[in-house]
Amino acid sequence: MTNTTVSTDTSGLGGGLLPSWRQTPTRQSIIDFVDAVADPESPEYVEESERVAVFDNDGTLWTEQPLYAQLAFALDRATQLGQPTTLDDLHAGGMNALKDLIALTHSGVTTDEFDDLCRSWLSSARHPRFDRPYPATAYQPMLELLALLDEHAFSCWIFSGGGTDFMRTWAPEVYGLPPHRVIGSVGETEFRIGSTGPELVKSPKIQVLDDGPHKPESIHRHVGQRPILAAGNTDGDLAMLQWTAGSPHRTLQMFVHHTDAEREYAYDRDPTLGSGTDQIMSAATEHDWTVVDMASDWATIYPSGS
């Protein structure tokens, strides 16, 4: 897997930064925010230890249509296990069918074995529309934003409804984040001494579903302080952005709006859980949050050469 994180101009905040972002007010709001909180001479300066940024993953940092990558993995694994499942089956069975699929495909193996399964799948699986590896569907503008924040001493974290173990097989390399900053939904595990030594075996029981109001709870649990930047793309991320807005420091709330049917997808509801965007859009309008219009604000969607 290739690390697609890019470097940016560190000589100062200006035209050389965020090259895949068009020169729009959205890009300027990001530049102004980073400039204000990272400049020691600024009245809105924030100490490095307080510069925490949190991001949803699916639909915010990489493509989630026409179905989550983790769901594509689960469907392929179900077939390998001799219990093929289709999207129609999931739609008919609802959340219970989805939980059954995850239990079948994500449990009964050690964490090391699951890591190997995910890496093997990611090495060959390709996005059905764009014919590129799933990690190469990370958004180039967001990779540049992560790099910019890192260069200005931000601690960047992912808080996603996706599985922690699945994301940690690829997200640290793609996003340049250490594994402990990649947080998602968590299934229970059981410690045991196996034939090769100590191991953790994945259980079918879901311990934490990291979505909606559970996101700020998870942020508090893992980070221990409020972020000053949060980015999401559906109502499932609203609580995370609201939590961030309560910081005593200057904050930036970003709503990534999928408006580009030609280069990506145009939609207002996520493909599996059905979370919409009405609430987060209303909040963005009411509180003057930054709305990222993918069609208007991004000159490039995906990294080149993938």
Protein backbone atom coordinates (compact mmCIF):
# COMPACT_ATOMS: atom_id res chain seq x y z
CA MET A 1 0.00 0.00 0.00
CA THR A 2 1.36 3.41 -0.90
CA ASN A 3 1.38 6.27 1.57
CA THR A 4 -0.61 8.97 -0.21
CA THR A 5 -0.05 11.67 2.40
CA VAL A 6 1.43 14.72 0.71
CA SER A 7 3.81 17.37 1.88
CA THR A 8 2.90 21.03 1.78
CA ASP A 9 4.72 24.33 1.72
CA THR A 10 5.82 25.15 5.27
CA SER A 11 7.18 28.62 4.55
CA GLY A 12 3.92 30.21 5.69
CA LEU A 13 0.21 30.03 5.18
CA GLY A 14 -0.61 31.13 1.67
CA GLY A 15 -1.18 30.21 -1.94
CA GLY A 16 1.09 27.16 -1.94
CA LEU A 17 -0.99 25.32 0.64
CA LEU A 18 -3.82 22.87 -0.01
CA PRO A 19 -3.11 22.69 -3.77
CA SER A 20 -6.10 20.43 -4.51
CA TRP A 21 -8.48 22.97 -2.97
CA ARG A 22 -9.84 25.68 -5.25
CA GLN A 23 -9.41 29.29 -4.23
CA THR A 24 -12.81 29.56 -2.54
CA PRO A 25 -14.05 30.92 0.80
CA THR A 26 -14.02 27.34 2.11
CA ARG A 27 -10.29 26.97 1.59
CA GLN A 28 -9.75 30.43 3.03
CA SER A 29 -11.71 29.58 6.17
CA ILE A 30 -9.32 26.67 6.79
CA ILE A 31 -6.23 28.79 6.17
CA ASP A 32 -7.53 31.57 8.42
CA PHE A 33 -8.31 29.11 11.20
CA VAL A 34 -4.92 27.41 11.15
CA ASP A 35 -3.19 30.78 10.93
CA ALA A 36 -5.14 32.15 13.89
CA VAL A 37 -4.62 29.22 16.27
CA ALA A 38 -1.00 28.40 15.34
CA ASP A 39 0.50 31.92 15.29
CA PRO A 40 1.93 32.82 18.73
CA GLU A 41 1.25 36.49 17.96
CA SER A 42 -2.43 35.86 17.29
CA PRO A 43 -5.00 36.74 19.98
CA GLU A 44 -6.64 33.38 19.17
CA TYR A 45 -3.44 31.37 19.59
CA VAL A 46 -3.93 27.86 20.96
CA GLU A 47 -1.16 25.96 22.71
CA GLU A 48 0.08 22.90 20.80
CA SER A 49 -1.22 20.54 23.49
CA GLU A 50 -4.76 21.86 22.84
CA ARG A 51 -4.68 21.55 19.05
CA VAL A 52 -6.80 18.45 18.56
CA ALA A 53 -8.61 17.71 15.28
CA VAL A 54 -11.12 14.86 14.82
CA PHE A 55 -12.43 13.36 11.60
CA ASP A 56 -15.10 10.94 10.59
CA ASN A 57 -13.73 8.44 8.07
CA ASP A 58 -16.35 7.03 5.66
CA GLY A 59 -17.53 9.79 3.37
CA THR A 60 -15.28 12.37 5.06
CA LEU A 61 -11.76 11.10 4.38
CA TRP A 62 -12.51 8.47 1.72
CA THR A 63 -15.32 7.30 -0.54
CA GLU A 64 -18.19 5.39 1.10
CA GLN A 65 -20.34 4.79 -2.00
CA PRO A 66 -21.74 2.54 -3.40
CA LEU A 67 -21.10 0.67 -0.12
CA TYR A 68 -18.64 0.87 2.72
CA ALA A 69 -15.31 -0.80 1.98
CA GLN A 70 -15.64 -2.78 5.20
CA LEU A 71 -19.03 -4.06 4.05
CA ALA A 72 -17.53 -5.09 0.71
CA PHE A 73 -14.88 -6.99 2.68
CA ALA A 74 -17.58 -8.67 4.80
CA LEU A 75 -19.60 -9.73 1.76
CA ASP A 76 -16.54 -11.26 0.11
CA ARG A 77 -15.54 -13.04 3.31
CA ALA A 78 -19.07 -14.43 3.79
CA THR A 79 -18.79 -16.02 0.35
CA GLN A 80 -15.40 -17.50 1.28
CA LEU A 81 -16.98 -18.96 4.42
CA GLY A 82 -19.69 -20.65 2.36
CA GLN A 83 -22.51 -18.34 3.48
CA PRO A 84 -22.90 -15.88 0.62
CA THR A 85 -24.89 -12.75 1.41
CA THR A 86 -26.11 -10.06 -0.96
CA LEU A 87 -26.99 -6.41 -0.52
CA ASP A 88 -30.61 -7.35 -1.15
CA ASP A 89 -30.39 -9.72 1.81
CA LEU A 90 -29.11 -6.90 3.98
CA HIS A 91 -31.76 -4.47 2.81
CA ALA A 92 -34.46 -7.02 3.52
CA GLY A 93 -33.09 -7.97 6.92
CA GLY A 94 -32.13 -4.48 8.11
CA MET A 95 -29.78 -3.90 11.03
CA ASN A 96 -30.17 -7.46 12.35
CA ALA A 97 -28.96 -8.88 9.04
CA LEU A 98 -26.00 -6.50 9.09
CA LYS A 99 -25.09 -7.51 12.64
CA ASP A 100 -25.31 -11.18 11.66
CA LEU A 101 -22.98 -10.56 8.72
CA ILE A 102 -20.43 -8.78 10.91
CA ALA A 103 -20.64 -11.54 13.52
CA LEU A 104 -20.00 -14.17 10.83
CA THR A 105 -17.10 -12.40 9.14
CA HIS A 106 -15.40 -10.53 11.99
CA SER A 107 -15.31 -13.08 14.82
CA GLY A 108 -13.86 -16.48 15.67
CA VAL A 109 -10.37 -15.46 14.59
CA THR A 110 -7.50 -13.87 16.46
CA THR A 111 -6.77 -10.19 16.02
CA ASP A 112 -3.58 -11.11 14.15
CA GLU A 113 -5.50 -13.43 11.81
CA PHE A 114 -8.12 -10.72 11.19
CA ASP A 115 -5.35 -8.25 10.40
CA ASP A 116 -3.95 -10.68 7.82
CA LEU A 117 -7.41 -11.24 6.30
CA CYS A 118 -7.97 -7.50 5.90
CA ARG A 119 -4.54 -6.87 4.41
CA SER A 120 -4.94 -9.73 1.97
CA TRP A 121 -8.34 -8.44 0.84
CA LEU A 122 -7.10 -4.86 0.49
CA SER A 123 -4.16 -6.00 -1.62
CA SER A 124 -6.48 -7.21 -4.39
CA ALA A 125 -9.92 -5.60 -3.92
CA ARG A 126 -10.74 -2.63 -6.12
CA HIS A 127 -13.48 -0.05 -6.05
CA PRO A 128 -16.27 -1.16 -8.43
CA ARG A 129 -16.62 2.20 -10.16
CA PHE A 130 -13.14 3.74 -10.07
CA ASP A 131 -11.12 0.51 -10.43
CA ARG A 132 -8.53 1.57 -7.87
CA PRO A 133 -7.56 0.02 -4.53
CA TYR A 134 -9.87 1.15 -1.75
CA PRO A 135 -7.13 3.04 0.13
CA ALA A 136 -6.59 5.05 -3.07
CA THR A 137 -10.14 6.41 -2.74
CA ALA A 138 -8.94 8.64 0.11
CA TYR A 139 -9.64 12.24 -0.83
CA GLN A 140 -6.55 14.14 -1.93
CA PRO A 141 -7.79 17.47 -0.46
CA MET A 142 -8.30 15.83 2.93
CA LEU A 143 -4.87 14.22 2.82
CA GLU A 144 -3.47 17.70 2.24
CA LEU A 145 -5.49 19.04 5.16
CA LEU A 146 -4.19 16.32 7.48
CA ALA A 147 -0.64 17.14 6.39
CA LEU A 148 -1.19 20.86 6.94
CA LEU A 149 -2.54 20.26 10.44
CA ASP A 150 0.33 17.93 11.29
CA GLU A 151 2.83 20.56 10.20
CA HIS A 152 1.19 23.00 12.58
CA ALA A 153 1.38 20.67 15.59
CA PHE A 154 -2.19 19.41 15.55
CA SER A 155 -2.98 16.00 16.96
CA CYS A 156 -5.32 14.44 14.37
CA TRP A 157 -7.68 11.58 15.24
CA ILE A 158 -10.27 9.47 13.40
CA PHE A 159 -13.59 8.65 15.08
CA SER A 160 -15.64 6.46 12.78
CA GLY A 161 -18.58 4.08 12.83
CA GLY A 162 -16.32 1.68 10.93
CA GLY A 163 -14.47 -1.05 12.77
CA THR A 164 -11.30 -0.09 14.60
CA ASP A 165 -9.49 -3.32 13.68
CA PHE A 166 -10.42 -2.98 10.00
CA MET A 167 -9.31 0.66 9.75
CA ARG A 168 -6.02 0.11 11.54
CA THR A 169 -4.85 -2.29 8.82
CA TRP A 170 -4.58 0.57 6.31
CA ALA A 171 -5.47 3.99 7.77
CA PRO A 172 -2.15 4.68 9.57
CA GLU A 173 -0.23 4.26 6.33
CA VAL A 174 -2.69 6.21 4.18
CA TYR A 175 -3.36 9.07 6.61
CA GLY A 176 -0.03 9.15 8.41
CA LEU A 177 -1.64 8.64 11.83
CA PRO A 178 -0.46 6.28 14.59
CA PRO A 179 -2.85 3.36 15.20
CA HIS A 180 -3.95 4.63 18.62
CA ARG A 181 -5.45 7.69 16.93
CA VAL A 182 -7.68 5.56 14.68
CA ILE A 183 -10.83 4.87 16.70
CA GLY A 184 -14.00 3.19 15.50
CA SER A 185 -16.63 0.69 16.53
CA VAL A 186 -15.21 -2.08 18.68
CA GLY A 187 -16.13 -5.74 19.10
CA GLU A 188 -15.32 -7.65 22.24
CA THR A 189 -12.24 -9.86 22.40
CA GLU A 190 -11.19 -12.76 24.62
CA PHE A 191 -7.64 -13.30 25.85
CA ARG A 192 -6.31 -16.83 25.76
CA ILE A 193 -3.09 -18.81 25.50
CA GLY A 194 -3.11 -20.48 22.10
CA SER A 195 -0.78 -22.97 20.48
CA THR A 196 1.62 -20.19 19.53
CA GLY A 197 1.28 -18.13 22.71
CA PRO A 198 -0.93 -15.31 24.03
CA GLU A 199 -3.64 -14.10 21.65
CA LEU A 200 -6.88 -12.15 21.47
CA VAL A 201 -9.87 -13.82 19.82
CA LYS A 202 -12.53 -11.62 18.27
CA SER A 203 -16.07 -12.07 19.61
CA PRO A 204 -19.33 -11.51 17.66
CA LYS A 205 -20.55 -9.08 20.34
CA ILE A 206 -20.26 -5.36 19.51
CA GLN A 207 -18.91 -3.44 22.48
CA VAL A 208 -19.11 0.13 21.10
CA LEU A 209 -20.88 1.49 18.00
CA ASP A 210 -18.94 4.69 17.42
CA ASP A 211 -21.61 6.85 15.82
CA GLY A 212 -23.92 9.72 16.74
CA PRO A 213 -23.69 10.82 20.39
CA HIS A 214 -21.20 8.02 21.06
CA LYS A 215 -18.57 9.97 19.10
CA PRO A 216 -18.07 12.77 21.66
CA GLU A 217 -18.17 10.13 24.40
CA SER A 218 -15.44 8.24 22.55
CA ILE A 219 -13.43 11.42 22.06
CA HIS A 220 -13.58 12.12 25.79
CA ARG A 221 -12.57 8.53 26.56
CA HIS A 222 -9.59 8.41 24.21
CA VAL A 223 -8.40 12.02 23.94
CA GLY A 224 -9.51 13.50 27.25
CA GLN A 225 -10.14 17.00 25.89
CA ARG A 226 -12.33 18.79 23.41
CA PRO A 227 -11.10 19.14 19.84
CA ILE A 228 -10.89 22.52 18.13
CA LEU A 229 -11.53 21.10 14.65
CA ALA A 230 -14.05 18.46 13.60
CA ALA A 231 -15.08 17.20 10.16
CA GLY A 232 -17.95 14.91 9.19
CA ASN A 233 -20.45 14.29 6.40
CA THR A 234 -23.76 13.05 7.89
CA ASP A 235 -26.06 13.54 10.85
CA GLY A 236 -24.15 10.72 12.55
CA ASP A 237 -21.29 13.22 12.92
CA LEU A 238 -23.41 16.08 14.23
CA ALA A 239 -22.77 15.44 17.92
CA MET A 240 -19.00 15.38 17.29
CA LEU A 241 -19.15 18.79 15.62
CA GLN A 242 -21.40 20.18 18.36
CA TRP A 243 -19.01 18.91 21.03
CA THR A 244 -16.12 20.62 19.27
CA ALA A 245 -18.04 23.90 18.97
CA GLY A 246 -18.23 24.03 22.77
CA SER A 247 -14.49 24.53 23.13
CA PRO A 248 -13.39 27.83 24.74
CA HIS A 249 -10.92 28.23 21.87
CA ARG A 250 -11.58 29.24 18.29
CA THR A 251 -12.98 26.21 16.48
CA LEU A 252 -13.63 24.99 12.96
CA GLN A 253 -16.54 22.68 12.12
CA MET A 254 -16.49 21.20 8.60
CA PHE A 255 -19.38 19.48 6.82
CA VAL A 256 -18.21 17.58 3.73
CA HIS A 257 -21.13 17.71 1.29
CA HIS A 258 -21.18 15.19 -1.56
CA THR A 259 -22.22 17.21 -4.60
CA ASP A 260 -20.05 15.81 -7.40
CA ALA A 261 -21.80 12.99 -9.26
CA GLU A 262 -19.29 13.14 -12.12
CA ARG A 263 -16.04 12.78 -10.19
CA GLU A 264 -17.39 11.03 -7.07
CA TYR A 265 -21.05 10.82 -5.95
CA ALA A 266 -23.87 13.26 -5.20
CA TYR A 267 -26.06 12.19 -2.28
CA ASP A 268 -27.48 13.21 1.07
CA ARG A 269 -27.83 9.83 2.78
CA ASP A 270 -25.15 7.28 3.58
CA PRO A 271 -25.35 3.97 1.71
CA THR A 272 -25.92 1.51 4.55
CA LEU A 273 -26.99 3.00 7.86
CA GLY A 274 -29.20 5.58 6.15
CA SER A 275 -27.97 8.58 8.12
CA GLY A 276 -29.03 11.78 6.36
CA THR A 277 -27.67 15.32 6.26
CA ASP A 278 -30.68 17.49 7.14
CA GLN A 279 -29.62 18.08 10.75
CA ILE A 280 -25.96 18.71 10.10
CA MET A 281 -26.77 21.04 7.19
CA SER A 282 -29.23 22.99 9.34
CA ALA A 283 -26.63 23.29 12.10
CA ALA A 284 -24.01 24.41 9.60
CA THR A 285 -26.33 27.13 8.33
CA GLU A 286 -27.38 28.25 11.81
CA HIS A 287 -23.87 28.37 13.26
CA ASP A 288 -21.95 29.39 10.13
CA TRP A 289 -19.92 26.21 9.99
CA THR A 290 -17.70 25.52 6.99
CA VAL A 291 -19.49 23.54 4.27
CA VAL A 292 -17.17 21.78 1.85
CA ASP A 293 -18.94 21.56 -1.52
CA MET A 294 -16.95 18.83 -3.24
CA ALA A 295 -17.89 19.96 -6.76
CA SER A 296 -17.02 23.60 -6.13
CA ASP A 297 -14.22 23.45 -3.55
CA TRP A 298 -12.07 20.55 -4.71
CA ALA A 299 -10.02 20.80 -7.89
CA THR A 300 -8.96 17.16 -7.47
CA ILE A 301 -10.77 14.31 -5.73
CA TYR A 302 -8.30 11.43 -5.66
CA PRO A 303 -4.50 11.07 -5.59
CA SER A 304 -2.97 10.61 -9.01
CA GLY A 305 -1.12 7.48 -10.07
CA SER A 306 -3.20 5.04 -8.01
